[in-house]
Amino acid sequence: MICTTVREGEECVFMKKNGCSYIDGACLSIVEQCNGCQRISEQKTGIYCKAAPDPSLKWKNGNCNFATHIKVAEAAKKQKINPIKASKRR
């Protein structure tokens, strides 16, 4: 349904016929770590996340899984070396 509380006009899964069903009846504004993300939207009531109703919970245990501004570097893959073949190469 379309949000009628803080993110007016945007699609929201928490909107029901009788209002917002999220805790306290409204989404919470972004936290400092969210700055630079492409999923934030600026409304007249504040700046909110399009993906999460409470962004502080997403950042509680590390990086937010929705964050578009954080690049996770993959660990360099170490190739397994067979010790027998390695001794023959020397």
C-alpha atoms as a PDB file:
ATOM      1  CA  MET A   1       0.000   0.000   0.000  1.00  0.00           C
ATOM      2  CA  ILE A   2       1.000   3.626  -0.386  1.00  0.00           C
ATOM      3  CA  CYS A   3       2.461   5.271   2.749  1.00  0.00           C
ATOM      4  CA  THR A   4       0.428   8.091   4.267  1.00  0.00           C
ATOM      5  CA  THR A   5       2.636   8.857   7.298  1.00  0.00           C
ATOM      6  CA  VAL A   6       6.283   9.939   6.862  1.00  0.00           C
ATOM      7  CA  ARG A   7       7.109   8.666   3.340  1.00  0.00           C
ATOM      8  CA  GLU A   8       3.994   9.914   1.619  1.00  0.00           C
ATOM      9  CA  GLY A   9       3.363   8.546  -1.849  1.00  0.00           C
ATOM     10  CA  GLU A  10       5.893   5.672  -1.656  1.00  0.00           C
ATOM     11  CA  GLU A  11       5.062   1.966  -1.580  1.00  0.00           C
ATOM     12  CA  CYS A  12       5.312   0.513   1.948  1.00  0.00           C
ATOM     13  CA  VAL A  13       4.786  -3.033   3.203  1.00  0.00           C
ATOM     14  CA  PHE A  14       3.840  -1.796   6.684  1.00  0.00           C
ATOM     15  CA  MET A  15       0.847   0.278   5.573  1.00  0.00           C
ATOM     16  CA  LYS A  16      -2.482  -1.343   6.309  1.00  0.00           C
ATOM     17  CA  LYS A  17      -6.036  -0.097   5.935  1.00  0.00           C
ATOM     18  CA  ASN A  18      -5.978   1.325   9.462  1.00  0.00           C
ATOM     19  CA  GLY A  19      -2.522   2.981   9.221  1.00  0.00           C
ATOM     20  CA  CYS A  20       1.133   2.089   9.630  1.00  0.00           C
ATOM     21  CA  SER A  21       1.661  -1.243  11.384  1.00  0.00           C
ATOM     22  CA  TYR A  22       5.354  -0.654  12.215  1.00  0.00           C
ATOM     23  CA  ILE A  23       6.497   0.059  15.795  1.00  0.00           C
ATOM     24  CA  ASP A  24       5.260   3.522  16.904  1.00  0.00           C
ATOM     25  CA  GLY A  25       3.237   3.773  13.678  1.00  0.00           C
ATOM     26  CA  ALA A  26       5.967   5.309  11.504  1.00  0.00           C
ATOM     27  CA  CYS A  27       9.367   4.632   9.931  1.00  0.00           C
ATOM     28  CA  LEU A  28      12.455   6.037  11.633  1.00  0.00           C
ATOM     29  CA  SER A  29      14.911   8.399   9.951  1.00  0.00           C
ATOM     30  CA  ILE A  30      18.358   7.286   8.762  1.00  0.00           C
ATOM     31  CA  VAL A  31      21.473   7.084  10.903  1.00  0.00           C
ATOM     32  CA  GLU A  32      24.871   8.645  10.157  1.00  0.00           C
ATOM     33  CA  GLN A  33      26.249   5.469   8.519  1.00  0.00           C
ATOM     34  CA  CYS A  34      23.514   5.659   5.849  1.00  0.00           C
ATOM     35  CA  ASN A  35      24.862   8.889   4.330  1.00  0.00           C
ATOM     36  CA  GLY A  36      25.877   8.260   0.711  1.00  0.00           C
ATOM     37  CA  CYS A  37      23.550   5.300   0.158  1.00  0.00           C
ATOM     38  CA  GLN A  38      21.364   5.263  -2.950  1.00  0.00           C
ATOM     39  CA  ARG A  39      18.406   3.833  -1.034  1.00  0.00           C
ATOM     40  CA  ILE A  40      17.691   6.972   1.007  1.00  0.00           C
ATOM     41  CA  SER A  41      14.840   9.276   0.100  1.00  0.00           C
ATOM     42  CA  GLU A  42      14.394  12.825   1.278  1.00  0.00           C
ATOM     43  CA  GLN A  43      10.859  13.694   2.338  1.00  0.00           C
ATOM     44  CA  LYS A  44       9.472  16.888   3.824  1.00  0.00           C
ATOM     45  CA  THR A  45       9.386  15.166   7.229  1.00  0.00           C
ATOM     46  CA  GLY A  46      13.039  13.995   7.084  1.00  0.00           C
ATOM     47  CA  ILE A  47      15.388  11.556   5.366  1.00  0.00           C
ATOM     48  CA  TYR A  48      14.309   7.899   5.314  1.00  0.00           C
ATOM     49  CA  CYS A  49      15.543   4.567   3.993  1.00  0.00           C
ATOM     50  CA  LYS A  50      13.516   3.014   1.170  1.00  0.00           C
ATOM     51  CA  ALA A  51      14.461  -0.527   2.199  1.00  0.00           C
ATOM     52  CA  ALA A  52      14.380  -0.569   6.012  1.00  0.00           C
ATOM     53  CA  PRO A  53      11.911   1.072   8.404  1.00  0.00           C
ATOM     54  CA  ASP A  54      14.530   1.290  11.197  1.00  0.00           C
ATOM     55  CA  PRO A  55      18.026   1.715   9.713  1.00  0.00           C
ATOM     56  CA  SER A  56      19.728   1.687  13.120  1.00  0.00           C
ATOM     57  CA  LEU A  57      18.829  -2.007  13.498  1.00  0.00           C
ATOM     58  CA  LYS A  58      20.522  -2.784  10.179  1.00  0.00           C
ATOM     59  CA  TRP A  59      23.786  -1.224  11.365  1.00  0.00           C
ATOM     60  CA  LYS A  60      23.637  -2.770  14.847  1.00  0.00           C
ATOM     61  CA  ASN A  61      25.688  -5.900  14.046  1.00  0.00           C
ATOM     62  CA  GLY A  62      28.054  -4.486  11.418  1.00  0.00           C
ATOM     63  CA  ASN A  63      27.387  -3.220   7.910  1.00  0.00           C
ATOM     64  CA  CYS A  64      23.864  -2.888   6.555  1.00  0.00           C
ATOM     65  CA  ASN A  65      23.096  -5.510   3.914  1.00  0.00           C
ATOM     66  CA  PHE A  66      21.161  -2.914   1.866  1.00  0.00           C
ATOM     67  CA  ALA A  67      23.986  -0.323   1.832  1.00  0.00           C
ATOM     68  CA  THR A  68      24.962   0.599  -1.720  1.00  0.00           C
ATOM     69  CA  HIS A  69      27.845   2.862  -0.732  1.00  0.00           C
ATOM     70  CA  ILE A  70      29.900   0.134   0.972  1.00  0.00           C
ATOM     71  CA  LYS A  71      31.978  -2.199  -1.160  1.00  0.00           C
ATOM     72  CA  VAL A  72      32.930  -5.521   0.388  1.00  0.00           C
ATOM     73  CA  ALA A  73      36.324  -6.688  -0.813  1.00  0.00           C
ATOM     74  CA  GLU A  74      36.568 -10.391  -1.429  1.00  0.00           C
ATOM     75  CA  ALA A  75      39.426 -12.124   0.298  1.00  0.00           C
ATOM     76  CA  ALA A  76      42.160 -13.251  -2.071  1.00  0.00           C
ATOM     77  CA  LYS A  77      41.710 -16.925  -2.721  1.00  0.00           C
ATOM     78  CA  LYS A  78      44.691 -18.981  -1.675  1.00  0.00           C
ATOM     79  CA  GLN A  79      45.298 -21.879  -3.927  1.00  0.00           C
ATOM     80  CA  LYS A  80      45.849 -25.173  -2.193  1.00  0.00           C
ATOM     81  CA  ILE A  81      49.233 -26.663  -2.897  1.00  0.00           C
ATOM     82  CA  ASN A  82      49.805 -30.351  -2.788  1.00  0.00           C
ATOM     83  CA  PRO A  83      52.897 -30.837  -0.584  1.00  0.00           C
ATOM     84  CA  ILE A  84      54.145 -33.804  -2.603  1.00  0.00           C
ATOM     85  CA  LYS A  85      54.021 -31.916  -5.892  1.00  0.00           C
ATOM     86  CA  ALA A  86      55.561 -28.839  -4.261  1.00  0.00           C
ATOM     87  CA  SER A  87      58.571 -30.864  -3.099  1.00  0.00           C
ATOM     88  CA  LYS A  88      59.089 -32.213  -6.619  1.00  0.00           C
ATOM     89  CA  ARG A  89      59.036 -28.681  -8.104  1.00  0.00           C
ATOM     90  CA  ARG A  90      61.990 -27.592  -6.011  1.00  0.00           C
END
